[in-house]
Structures are given as C-alpha cells and as structure tokens.
Amino acid sequence: MVTTPAVVIAAPASGSGKTTVATGLIGALRRAGHRVAPFKVGPDYIDPGYHGLAAGRPGRNLDPVLVGAERVVPLYLHGSAGCDLAVVEGVMGLFDGRIDEHNTDPIAEGSTAQIAAMLGAPVILVVDARGHSQSLAALLHGFATYDSGIRLGGVILNRVGSERHEQVLRAACARVGLPVLGALPRMAELAVPSRHLGLIPAVEHGSAAQSAVDAMTDLVAAHIDLAAVAALAASGAQGQAWDPADEVTAEESGPVVAIAGGPAFTFGYAEHRELLSAAGARVQVFDPLHDELPSGTAGLVVPGGFPEEHAADLAANTGLLASIADLAARGLPIHAECAGLLYLTRTLDGHRMAGVLDADAEFGPRLTLGYRDAVALTDSPLWSAGERVRGHEFHRTRLTTAGSADPAWAWRSPSGETVREGASLHNVHASYLHTHPAGNPAAVGRFVSAAADFARTHAPA
C-alpha cells in the first residue's frame, strides 16, 4: 500500500500558534494543487472543524489513548486515502501527553511525538518568537536531541517582531542545523473568537470561520516555503487501512439513526457516522435548534457541543423536546455524550430541556478535563456491565441534581477516589465521557441493532 507522506506540526508549548500554522498550511497546500488530508492529535473536536474548512474534506483525529495504539496507523491510512499529502497538527507541547507517573519513556502516551514516531513523519516545530533571541538555539537543540526516534525537520517562526528579529532567529536556527521554513509576522487580526473550551467551533462561527481560514491560508502562502514543506513530508506508516465495514455487521433493515447537529452539537468524529452507516443505519442529521426528529427515527445520538450557549433556543423547540421525551419513554435507544447529557436533563441553566433524565444542569465555575479509564456499571444499548472503556472529559457544566437513574460509568480519580458519573437506563446511555467510536466499534454495532429492534417493535400497524 502506498503511504501518504505527512508533516507533523508541533510546538514547544501550547499557545505557540500550531492551529494557525496547520490550518493555513492545509489551505495553502490545497490552493497550490495538493489533495491534503488533515489530522489533529488528541481528542480535540474544534480544530478539526477549521482543518476541514481548509482542506475541503473532514478533519480527523489520531488519539492512541482513545482508540489504542494499534489503530492509529490504520486510521491514518483510511483518512489519508486519495490524498498526496497529510498535515497533522499536534497537541500541547511536542512531548506532552497523558500524565503517567509510572511511565519512564520520554515519549508520553497520546503525545504529538508518539504520533510522529508511529507515522515515521518529520516534525516541523512552530516557535512563538516573542521574547526569543540567540538562546533559541539551545531550545531547539534540546527538542532535536531529546529523543532519537523523533526527526525535527525544520522550524516555523511565528509572531516575529521585525526584520532584524527574524535575522537573529534564523541565525540561531542555523547554529543547530535546522532550516527555517517560514517566518510569520505578528498579526493580531487573525485571532479567532474563543470561549471557555477553546476556539468557537467553525459551524457556530459561520462565514467568519471561513474568513479566518482564508486569512490563515493567505498568511502561510505569503510567508512559508510550501515547496520545502511538501518536499520534507514523509511517512513510514505501513499496514492495512481501517475499514468500518470490517468492524461491524450490517443490519439489513436499515433503521434510521438521527444525529443531533447544528451549532449546539458540533463535537463528533467522522468515523462515527461511517461506522453507523457500515452497521446498516440510515444516518440523518438534524438541528435541534429548529428541526423535528427525522421521520422514522429508531435511534438517537446527541453528541457534545455547547448547548449552554444555545439553551434558550433549544428550549424554544418544544415540539422536538416533547417528541424525544415520548420516544424515550417508549424505549428509543439514545446515546448522549456531554452536551447530549445536558440536553436530556429537565433544565439547563433554568431553560427547559427534554426531561428524559430527572436531573438539572448548570454552567459551572471549574473546567473538568482529562482521560478516564472507565468501567460500565449497567447494561445499555451500547455497553454491557463490566466493559472497560477509555474516554475523555472536557466541560464546564455540572449536574446540580443527580436524578434516580443508575450511573453510567465508574473510574478512579488521580487522587484514588471512585467517581460515578452519568446516567444509564435500559435504553439510554448519557454521560460527560467522550468516547471514540473507532476504538469501540462493537458498541456502535449494538446501538444500531437496538435501533433495528425498536423499529421492528414500533412499526406502524
């Protein structure tokens, strides 16, 4: 199998400008005639939305923590099929990943460095040039020599203050033998609006998101050597591409599975829809801000997003809320993650929600985030009691009343405390935990089977 060559866009630390550079590179390389496959390291949902706008194809994630290290290369081969170049945006600093006090490997699990090593791809280091001078050479030397399995292929200087500043920094890079692939001036107008969980999703930001992507593309095209970046790209990834049809058995009846979308529910993985379709579902996306449930809905997926930003409008669609509550009472299989959990409560910040769960929610003072090793506590349309799953939490809301449903998951906190979270009914699985369907394909297959059973037992007479 021919492997698509890749470059990995990394940085010494968060906030260095990886997303601007990666998104701009994707757009500029596409404009130059390349078919670009966009990827993001880790569980991020927002950056891939901007990548997708720039590439004209879905942005995808590579996360060995959530899907297992063995699936990373197959997912990369699947997502880059038909492309001649891939751009992989890293997460945090190059060597930052899941914190594990027992890990003595310099490459942390889930880090950008781990993905670069798996793909055999060179790393381009984006350095925020503010405050840097000759000492940049020492920083680069450290990153270039920290682990011999990582190849640092070049540097992009970001937020350069002047021509003289650029000259000094280029000399520092030359001192350690690293080519400078481009130097971006400080451009405050490129800032994309953000909120408590990061950038505002591209779907919410509308035409302004496309304008921001266009501006990033223009900036990169003007200041980065695209030919040098393309020439640097390489990959040693070998294996068989992931195929959703190999993971699940198709339900011949073709039940309708509705997925909530629109501005309030933007967090999802491209592989989820692909697996649902491979399992025989007829996937239909609807916007809970103003749509009704698709006709014949036999299963409902409510993914993550920002319902707290749209609570009043969600509450105004009373017909949809009533339909969901009625179907849930009749046994409709429902899979809800994070924002989906909030949508199923009685109220969110005082606004009426679907009321499937006798719980209430509100925007909270603290950010909760991190990977979790969870165990399912009850049977549901996706999981059997006792199944172990790796997931990720990322939210600033909380349940103010827990309700009477059984908790969905349990896990150990870093302090050793047992945490029980979410809500599980015989037909509903709702929690704050985000899971990656490609790492748990059997759960997707079970959900479609449950939808097929619902369709058969609730077919019109």
Protein backbone atom coordinates (compact mmCIF):
# COMPACT_ATOMS: atom_id res chain seq x y z
CA MET A 1 0.00 0.00 0.00
CA VAL A 2 1.26 3.50 -0.89
CA THR A 3 1.51 5.65 2.20
CA THR A 4 0.60 9.32 2.07
CA PRO A 5 3.58 11.45 3.19
CA ALA A 6 2.96 13.71 6.16
CA VAL A 7 4.36 16.57 8.18
CA VAL A 8 3.59 16.94 11.88
CA ILE A 9 3.10 20.50 13.15
CA ALA A 10 4.29 20.69 16.76
CA ALA A 11 5.46 23.32 19.23
CA PRO A 12 7.45 23.63 22.45
CA ALA A 13 4.27 24.54 24.33
CA SER A 14 0.58 25.33 23.95
CA GLY A 15 -0.28 28.76 22.59
CA SER A 16 2.57 28.87 20.09
CA GLY A 17 0.31 29.11 17.05
CA LYS A 18 0.02 25.50 15.86
CA THR A 19 -3.59 25.85 14.77
CA THR A 20 -2.93 28.98 12.72
CA VAL A 21 0.07 27.38 11.02
CA ALA A 22 -1.53 23.97 10.48
CA THR A 23 -4.82 25.37 9.17
CA GLY A 24 -3.01 27.86 6.96
CA LEU A 25 -0.71 25.15 5.62
CA ILE A 26 -3.64 22.89 4.81
CA GLY A 27 -5.38 25.71 2.93
CA ALA A 28 -2.25 26.95 1.15
CA LEU A 29 -1.16 23.48 0.07
CA ARG A 30 -4.67 22.78 -1.20
CA ARG A 31 -4.63 26.07 -3.09
CA ALA A 32 -1.31 25.02 -4.62
CA GLY A 33 -2.95 21.90 -6.04
CA HIS A 34 -2.37 19.30 -3.33
CA ARG A 35 -5.03 16.95 -2.01
CA VAL A 36 -4.45 17.42 1.70
CA ALA A 37 -5.56 15.06 4.48
CA PRO A 38 -5.99 17.00 7.77
CA PHE A 39 -5.43 15.39 11.16
CA LYS A 40 -5.34 16.52 14.79
CA VAL A 41 -3.54 14.69 17.60
CA GLY A 42 -5.71 14.00 20.64
CA PRO A 43 -9.41 14.28 21.48
CA ASP A 44 -9.91 17.84 20.17
CA TYR A 45 -13.16 18.45 18.25
CA ILE A 46 -12.79 22.13 17.39
CA ASP A 47 -9.51 22.38 15.47
CA PRO A 48 -10.56 19.64 13.00
CA GLY A 49 -13.54 21.81 12.04
CA TYR A 50 -11.17 24.53 10.83
CA HIS A 51 -8.93 21.93 9.21
CA GLY A 52 -11.94 20.58 7.33
CA LEU A 53 -12.84 24.02 6.01
CA ALA A 54 -9.27 24.48 4.79
CA ALA A 55 -8.96 21.01 3.24
CA GLY A 56 -12.44 20.57 1.78
CA ARG A 57 -12.65 17.16 3.47
CA PRO A 58 -13.32 16.01 7.05
CA GLY A 59 -10.73 16.77 9.70
CA ARG A 60 -9.86 13.63 11.66
CA ASN A 61 -8.21 12.77 14.98
CA LEU A 62 -5.33 10.46 15.85
CA ASP A 63 -5.54 9.51 19.53
CA PRO A 64 -3.80 6.34 20.72
CA VAL A 65 -5.27 6.76 24.21
CA LEU A 66 -8.87 6.56 22.97
CA VAL A 67 -8.54 4.11 20.06
CA GLY A 68 -5.48 2.07 21.05
CA ALA A 69 -2.01 2.42 19.56
CA GLU A 70 -2.66 -0.41 17.12
CA ARG A 71 -5.42 1.56 15.34
CA VAL A 72 -3.53 4.82 14.78
CA VAL A 73 -1.78 3.84 11.55
CA PRO A 74 -4.89 2.11 10.06
CA LEU A 75 -6.96 5.21 10.84
CA TYR A 76 -4.28 7.42 9.28
CA LEU A 77 -4.25 5.28 6.13
CA HIS A 78 -8.05 5.40 5.99
CA GLY A 79 -8.25 9.17 6.48
CA SER A 80 -5.46 9.98 4.01
CA ALA A 81 -6.65 7.69 1.21
CA GLY A 82 -6.74 9.52 -2.11
CA CYS A 83 -4.53 12.36 -0.86
CA ASP A 84 -0.95 13.20 -1.78
CA LEU A 85 -0.03 14.97 1.47
CA ALA A 86 -1.15 14.99 5.09
CA VAL A 87 -0.80 17.74 7.69
CA VAL A 88 -1.02 16.55 11.30
CA GLU A 89 -1.49 19.23 13.95
CA GLY A 90 -0.08 18.25 17.32
CA VAL A 91 -1.42 18.79 20.83
CA MET A 92 0.16 20.93 23.57
CA GLY A 93 3.98 20.69 23.52
CA LEU A 94 5.73 18.10 21.35
CA PHE A 95 6.37 15.64 24.18
CA ASP A 96 3.24 16.38 26.26
CA GLY A 97 0.69 13.60 26.60
CA ARG A 98 -1.21 11.60 29.15
CA ILE A 99 0.38 12.08 32.55
CA ASP A 100 1.50 8.76 34.00
CA GLU A 101 3.92 8.82 36.92
CA HIS A 102 4.92 5.21 36.19
CA ASN A 103 5.91 5.84 32.57
CA THR A 104 9.69 6.15 32.13
CA ASP A 105 9.55 6.50 28.35
CA PRO A 106 10.43 10.06 27.23
CA ILE A 107 7.54 9.88 24.76
CA ALA A 108 4.26 10.16 26.63
CA GLU A 109 1.18 8.24 25.55
CA GLY A 110 -1.05 10.37 23.34
CA SER A 111 1.68 12.93 22.65
CA THR A 112 2.48 14.51 19.32
CA ALA A 113 5.88 12.83 19.49
CA GLN A 114 4.23 9.41 19.77
CA ILE A 115 2.13 10.05 16.67
CA ALA A 116 5.14 11.34 14.71
CA ALA A 117 7.07 8.19 15.64
CA MET A 118 4.16 5.92 14.67
CA LEU A 119 3.79 7.60 11.28
CA GLY A 120 7.51 7.97 10.66
CA ALA A 121 6.82 11.60 9.80
CA PRO A 122 9.08 14.63 10.28
CA VAL A 123 8.20 17.29 12.83
CA ILE A 124 8.03 20.98 11.99
CA LEU A 125 8.38 22.99 15.20
CA VAL A 126 6.35 26.19 15.46
CA VAL A 127 8.08 28.61 17.80
CA ASP A 128 6.38 31.67 19.26
CA ALA A 129 9.21 34.12 18.58
CA ARG A 130 8.11 36.71 21.12
CA GLY A 131 10.86 37.03 23.71
CA HIS A 132 13.29 34.77 21.85
CA SER A 133 16.75 35.74 20.60
CA GLN A 134 20.06 33.80 20.34
CA SER A 135 19.02 31.41 23.11
CA LEU A 136 16.51 29.89 20.71
CA ALA A 137 19.41 27.70 19.53
CA ALA A 138 19.60 26.00 22.93
CA LEU A 139 15.84 25.39 22.98
CA LEU A 140 15.91 23.85 19.51
CA HIS A 141 18.95 21.74 20.36
CA GLY A 142 17.05 20.27 23.28
CA PHE A 143 13.99 19.39 21.23
CA ALA A 144 16.09 17.98 18.39
CA THR A 145 18.11 15.66 20.63
CA TYR A 146 15.66 14.75 23.39
CA ASP A 147 14.60 11.52 21.66
CA SER A 148 16.39 9.92 18.72
CA GLY A 149 13.15 8.48 17.36
CA ILE A 150 11.80 11.94 16.52
CA ARG A 151 13.12 13.75 13.46
CA LEU A 152 12.92 17.53 13.67
CA GLY A 153 12.79 18.60 10.04
CA GLY A 154 12.52 22.37 10.32
CA VAL A 155 11.24 25.41 12.15
CA ILE A 156 8.50 27.93 11.52
CA LEU A 157 8.98 31.20 13.37
CA ASN A 158 5.68 32.69 14.47
CA ARG A 159 4.89 36.22 15.63
CA VAL A 160 8.21 37.69 14.51
CA GLY A 161 8.58 41.34 15.52
CA SER A 162 10.85 42.81 12.81
CA GLU A 163 13.31 42.01 10.02
CA ARG A 164 16.21 42.27 12.47
CA HIS A 165 14.46 39.94 14.88
CA GLU A 166 13.97 37.43 12.09
CA GLN A 167 17.67 37.60 11.12
CA VAL A 168 18.76 36.86 14.69
CA LEU A 169 16.35 33.92 14.98
CA ARG A 170 17.37 32.47 11.62
CA ALA A 171 20.99 32.58 12.73
CA ALA A 172 20.06 30.72 15.93
CA CYS A 173 18.32 28.02 13.90
CA ALA A 174 21.30 27.70 11.57
CA ARG A 175 23.58 27.24 14.57
CA VAL A 176 21.86 23.92 15.34
CA GLY A 177 21.39 22.90 11.70
CA LEU A 178 17.64 23.36 11.45
CA PRO A 179 16.18 25.01 8.34
CA VAL A 180 13.69 27.82 8.73
CA LEU A 181 10.68 27.01 6.55
CA GLY A 182 8.97 30.33 7.14
CA ALA A 183 8.57 33.32 9.42
CA LEU A 184 5.15 34.76 10.21
CA PRO A 185 4.78 38.37 11.38
CA ARG A 186 2.59 39.30 14.32
CA MET A 187 -0.98 39.53 13.01
CA ALA A 188 -3.48 40.11 15.82
CA GLU A 189 -6.35 40.31 13.35
CA LEU A 190 -6.04 36.55 12.75
CA ALA A 191 -7.31 35.79 16.24
CA VAL A 192 -10.38 33.54 16.08
CA PRO A 193 -13.02 34.15 18.79
CA SER A 194 -12.80 31.70 21.66
CA ARG A 195 -14.71 30.71 24.77
CA HIS A 196 -14.17 28.55 27.84
CA LEU A 197 -13.26 25.34 25.95
CA GLY A 198 -11.09 26.98 23.27
CA LEU A 199 -11.94 28.28 19.82
CA ILE A 200 -15.57 28.72 18.85
CA PRO A 201 -16.43 25.79 16.53
CA ALA A 202 -16.37 26.58 12.83
CA VAL A 203 -20.05 25.59 12.46
CA GLU A 204 -21.06 28.21 15.04
CA HIS A 205 -18.76 30.89 13.67
CA GLY A 206 -20.26 30.59 10.18
CA SER A 207 -18.87 32.79 7.42
CA ALA A 208 -16.44 34.36 9.89
CA ALA A 209 -14.79 30.94 10.31
CA GLN A 210 -14.26 30.69 6.57
CA SER A 211 -12.85 34.22 6.55
CA ALA A 212 -10.44 33.27 9.34
CA VAL A 213 -9.34 30.17 7.43
CA ASP A 214 -8.84 32.24 4.29
CA ALA A 215 -6.72 34.73 6.25
CA MET A 216 -4.59 31.93 7.71
CA THR A 217 -4.16 30.49 4.22
CA ASP A 218 -3.08 33.85 2.81
CA LEU A 219 -0.61 34.39 5.65
CA VAL A 220 1.02 30.99 5.26
CA ALA A 221 1.13 31.20 1.46
CA ALA A 222 2.95 34.53 1.71
CA HIS A 223 5.49 33.62 4.39
CA ILE A 224 6.13 29.85 4.34
CA ASP A 225 8.06 27.88 1.71
CA LEU A 226 5.32 25.46 0.65
CA ALA A 227 7.59 23.57 -1.74
CA ALA A 228 10.07 22.94 1.09
CA VAL A 229 7.28 21.70 3.37
CA ALA A 230 5.97 19.34 0.69
CA ALA A 231 9.50 18.06 -0.03
CA LEU A 232 10.06 17.40 3.67
CA ALA A 233 6.88 15.32 4.05
CA ALA A 234 7.42 11.60 4.53
CA SER A 235 5.82 8.60 6.20
CA GLY A 236 6.93 5.14 7.14
CA ALA A 237 3.44 4.02 8.13
CA GLN A 238 2.73 0.52 6.87
CA GLY A 239 -0.31 -1.67 7.19
CA GLN A 240 -3.93 -2.08 6.20
CA ALA A 241 -6.26 0.91 6.15
CA TRP A 242 -9.07 0.90 8.70
CA ASP A 243 -12.37 -0.13 7.14
CA PRO A 244 -15.59 0.39 9.12
CA ALA A 245 -17.22 -2.50 7.24
CA ASP A 246 -14.70 -4.87 8.85
CA GLU A 247 -15.69 -3.75 12.35
CA VAL A 248 -19.45 -4.27 12.39
CA THR A 249 -22.17 -6.44 10.90
CA ALA A 250 -24.77 -4.58 8.86
CA GLU A 251 -28.43 -4.59 9.92
CA GLU A 252 -30.35 -5.30 6.73
CA SER A 253 -33.47 -3.47 7.94
CA GLY A 254 -31.70 -0.09 7.78
CA PRO A 255 -33.02 1.65 10.90
CA VAL A 256 -32.99 5.45 10.91
CA VAL A 257 -30.43 6.81 13.37
CA ALA A 258 -30.79 10.55 13.95
CA ILE A 259 -27.73 12.57 14.97
CA ALA A 260 -28.14 15.99 16.55
CA GLY A 261 -26.06 18.59 14.75
CA GLY A 262 -26.10 22.31 14.07
CA PRO A 263 -24.38 24.98 16.17
CA ALA A 264 -25.21 23.43 19.55
CA PHE A 265 -23.88 19.91 18.88
CA THR A 266 -20.63 20.08 16.95
CA PHE A 267 -18.43 17.54 18.73
CA GLY A 268 -18.11 14.30 16.81
CA TYR A 269 -15.70 12.04 14.98
CA ALA A 270 -16.04 11.35 11.25
CA GLU A 271 -15.59 7.65 11.92
CA HIS A 272 -18.80 7.59 13.99
CA ARG A 273 -21.07 8.22 11.02
CA GLU A 274 -19.02 5.84 8.92
CA LEU A 275 -19.44 3.06 11.48
CA LEU A 276 -23.16 3.73 11.90
CA SER A 277 -23.61 3.50 8.14
CA ALA A 278 -21.48 0.35 7.93
CA ALA A 279 -23.68 -1.18 10.63
CA GLY A 280 -26.69 -0.62 8.39
CA ALA A 281 -28.09 2.59 9.86
CA ARG A 282 -29.60 5.27 7.67
CA VAL A 283 -27.92 8.25 9.28
CA GLN A 284 -29.82 11.53 9.26
CA VAL A 285 -28.51 14.73 10.83
CA PHE A 286 -30.93 17.29 12.27
CA ASP A 287 -30.57 20.61 14.07
CA PRO A 288 -32.35 20.65 17.47
CA LEU A 289 -32.49 24.45 17.35
CA HIS A 290 -35.31 24.32 14.81
CA ASP A 291 -35.82 20.85 13.27
CA GLU A 292 -38.11 17.97 14.13
CA LEU A 293 -36.86 14.43 14.53
CA PRO A 294 -36.37 12.73 11.17
CA SER A 295 -39.28 10.55 10.15
CA GLY A 296 -38.98 7.00 11.42
CA THR A 297 -36.22 7.73 13.94
CA ALA A 298 -35.31 4.45 15.65
CA GLY A 299 -32.13 5.59 17.41
CA LEU A 300 -30.90 8.97 18.63
CA VAL A 301 -27.32 10.19 19.04
CA VAL A 302 -26.79 13.52 20.81
CA PRO A 303 -23.07 14.37 20.73
CA GLY A 304 -21.05 17.01 22.53
CA GLY A 305 -21.01 20.72 21.89
CA PHE A 306 -22.13 23.93 23.53
CA PRO A 307 -25.83 23.68 24.45
CA GLU A 308 -25.28 26.18 27.29
CA GLU A 309 -24.64 28.81 24.60
CA HIS A 310 -27.95 27.99 22.89
CA ALA A 311 -30.13 26.92 25.82
CA ALA A 312 -32.93 29.42 25.18
CA ASP A 313 -33.27 28.45 21.51
CA LEU A 314 -33.11 24.75 22.30
CA ALA A 315 -35.85 25.24 24.89
CA ALA A 316 -38.00 27.08 22.35
CA ASN A 317 -38.25 23.99 20.14
CA THR A 318 -40.87 22.48 22.42
CA GLY A 319 -42.24 20.06 19.84
CA LEU A 320 -38.89 18.34 19.45
CA LEU A 321 -38.33 18.14 23.20
CA ALA A 322 -41.74 16.52 23.67
CA SER A 323 -41.10 14.04 20.85
CA ILE A 324 -37.78 12.96 22.34
CA ALA A 325 -39.29 12.54 25.80
CA ASP A 326 -42.18 10.49 24.40
CA LEU A 327 -39.96 8.21 22.31
CA ALA A 328 -37.51 7.76 25.18
CA ALA A 329 -40.38 6.63 27.39
CA ARG A 330 -41.30 4.11 24.70
CA GLY A 331 -37.78 2.68 24.61
CA LEU A 332 -35.97 4.64 21.89
CA PRO A 333 -32.22 3.86 22.10
CA ILE A 334 -30.36 7.07 22.95
CA HIS A 335 -26.61 7.69 23.12
CA ALA A 336 -25.74 11.07 24.63
CA GLU A 337 -22.30 12.48 25.40
CA CYS A 338 -21.55 15.63 27.39
CA ALA A 339 -23.77 18.21 25.66
CA GLY A 340 -26.14 15.34 24.95
CA LEU A 341 -26.33 14.57 28.66
CA LEU A 342 -27.29 18.19 29.34
CA TYR A 343 -29.93 18.13 26.61
CA LEU A 344 -31.62 15.13 28.22
CA THR A 345 -31.95 16.79 31.66
CA ARG A 346 -35.04 18.62 32.91
CA THR A 347 -33.39 22.03 32.81
CA LEU A 348 -30.11 23.65 31.74
CA ASP A 349 -29.40 27.00 33.39
CA GLY A 350 -33.12 27.25 34.10
CA HIS A 351 -34.19 26.52 30.50
CA ARG A 352 -36.42 23.55 29.81
CA MET A 353 -34.72 20.57 28.16
CA ALA A 354 -36.04 17.14 27.10
CA GLY A 355 -36.63 15.80 30.62
CA VAL A 356 -35.58 12.25 29.76
CA LEU A 357 -33.46 12.33 32.93
CA ASP A 358 -34.80 13.69 36.22
CA ALA A 359 -31.74 15.85 36.70
CA ASP A 360 -30.87 19.51 36.25
CA ALA A 361 -27.67 21.15 34.97
CA GLU A 362 -25.92 24.49 35.02
CA PHE A 363 -22.79 26.19 33.78
CA GLY A 364 -20.16 25.79 36.49
CA PRO A 365 -17.09 27.61 37.80
CA ARG A 366 -14.48 24.95 37.02
CA LEU A 367 -13.16 23.21 33.93
CA THR A 368 -13.14 19.42 34.17
CA LEU A 369 -10.88 17.63 31.71
CA GLY A 370 -8.72 14.58 31.29
CA TYR A 371 -8.59 11.00 30.10
CA ARG A 372 -10.51 8.43 32.13
CA ASP A 373 -10.26 4.63 32.41
CA ALA A 374 -13.92 3.84 32.95
CA VAL A 375 -16.00 0.74 33.55
CA ALA A 376 -19.67 0.47 32.56
CA LEU A 377 -21.84 -0.07 35.62
CA THR A 378 -25.01 -1.26 33.89
CA ASP A 379 -26.20 -2.72 30.63
CA SER A 380 -27.25 -0.18 28.00
CA PRO A 381 -27.83 -0.05 24.23
CA LEU A 382 -24.04 0.31 23.79
CA TRP A 383 -22.24 -1.29 26.72
CA SER A 384 -22.52 -4.34 28.91
CA ALA A 385 -21.92 -4.01 32.62
CA GLY A 386 -18.26 -4.52 33.37
CA GLU A 387 -16.92 -3.38 30.00
CA ARG A 388 -13.87 -1.15 30.22
CA VAL A 389 -13.52 1.95 28.09
CA ARG A 390 -11.09 4.83 27.73
CA GLY A 391 -12.75 8.21 27.38
CA HIS A 392 -12.13 11.92 27.80
CA GLU A 393 -13.93 14.61 29.79
CA PHE A 394 -13.93 18.28 28.75
CA HIS A 395 -16.66 20.50 30.20
CA ARG A 396 -17.52 23.45 32.43
CA THR A 397 -21.04 22.43 33.30
CA ARG A 398 -22.27 20.23 36.12
CA LEU A 399 -25.38 18.40 37.25
CA THR A 400 -26.99 20.11 40.23
CA THR A 401 -29.34 17.19 40.88
CA ALA A 402 -28.22 13.69 40.04
CA GLY A 403 -31.59 12.08 39.40
CA SER A 404 -32.65 8.50 40.07
CA ALA A 405 -31.02 6.75 37.08
CA ASP A 406 -28.12 4.39 37.67
CA PRO A 407 -24.72 5.97 36.98
CA ALA A 408 -23.27 5.07 33.60
CA TRP A 409 -19.58 4.82 34.50
CA ALA A 410 -17.15 4.49 37.37
CA TRP A 411 -13.46 5.33 37.42
CA ARG A 412 -10.63 6.19 39.78
CA SER A 413 -9.65 9.84 40.04
CA PRO A 414 -5.94 10.77 40.19
CA SER A 415 -6.34 11.04 43.99
CA GLY A 416 -7.71 7.50 44.18
CA GLU A 417 -11.35 8.45 44.73
CA THR A 418 -14.03 6.39 43.00
CA VAL A 419 -16.09 8.58 40.68
CA ARG A 420 -19.53 7.51 39.47
CA GLU A 421 -20.83 9.57 36.59
CA GLY A 422 -23.58 9.81 34.01
CA ALA A 423 -26.95 8.12 33.77
CA SER A 424 -27.92 4.76 32.35
CA LEU A 425 -31.43 3.48 31.73
CA HIS A 426 -32.39 0.33 29.85
CA ASN A 427 -32.49 2.33 26.60
CA VAL A 428 -30.46 5.47 27.40
CA HIS A 429 -26.74 5.93 27.96
CA ALA A 430 -25.81 9.52 28.86
CA SER A 431 -22.62 10.87 30.43
CA TYR A 432 -19.92 13.51 30.28
CA LEU A 433 -17.45 10.97 28.93
CA HIS A 434 -16.50 11.28 25.25
CA THR A 435 -15.51 8.00 23.62
CA HIS A 436 -14.07 7.37 20.16
CA PRO A 437 -16.28 5.00 18.13
CA ALA A 438 -13.32 3.61 16.18
CA GLY A 439 -11.91 2.39 19.47
CA ASN A 440 -15.26 0.84 20.44
CA PRO A 441 -16.89 -0.37 17.21
CA ALA A 442 -18.84 -3.16 18.92
CA ALA A 443 -20.75 -0.53 20.89
CA VAL A 444 -21.81 1.16 17.64
CA GLY A 445 -22.96 -2.17 16.24
CA ARG A 446 -25.00 -2.89 19.36
CA PHE A 447 -26.61 0.53 19.18
CA VAL A 448 -27.73 0.03 15.56
CA SER A 449 -29.07 -3.42 16.48
CA ALA A 450 -31.05 -1.83 19.31
CA ALA A 451 -32.40 0.75 16.85
CA ALA A 452 -33.43 -2.04 14.48
CA ASP A 453 -35.26 -3.80 17.32
CA PHE A 454 -37.05 -0.56 18.24
CA ALA A 455 -38.08 -0.02 14.61
CA ARG A 456 -39.49 -3.53 14.36
CA THR A 457 -41.44 -3.38 17.63
CA HIS A 458 -42.77 0.13 17.00
CA ALA A 459 -43.57 -0.15 13.30
CA PRO A 460 -46.95 1.37 12.32
CA ALA A 461 -49.71 -1.22 12.30
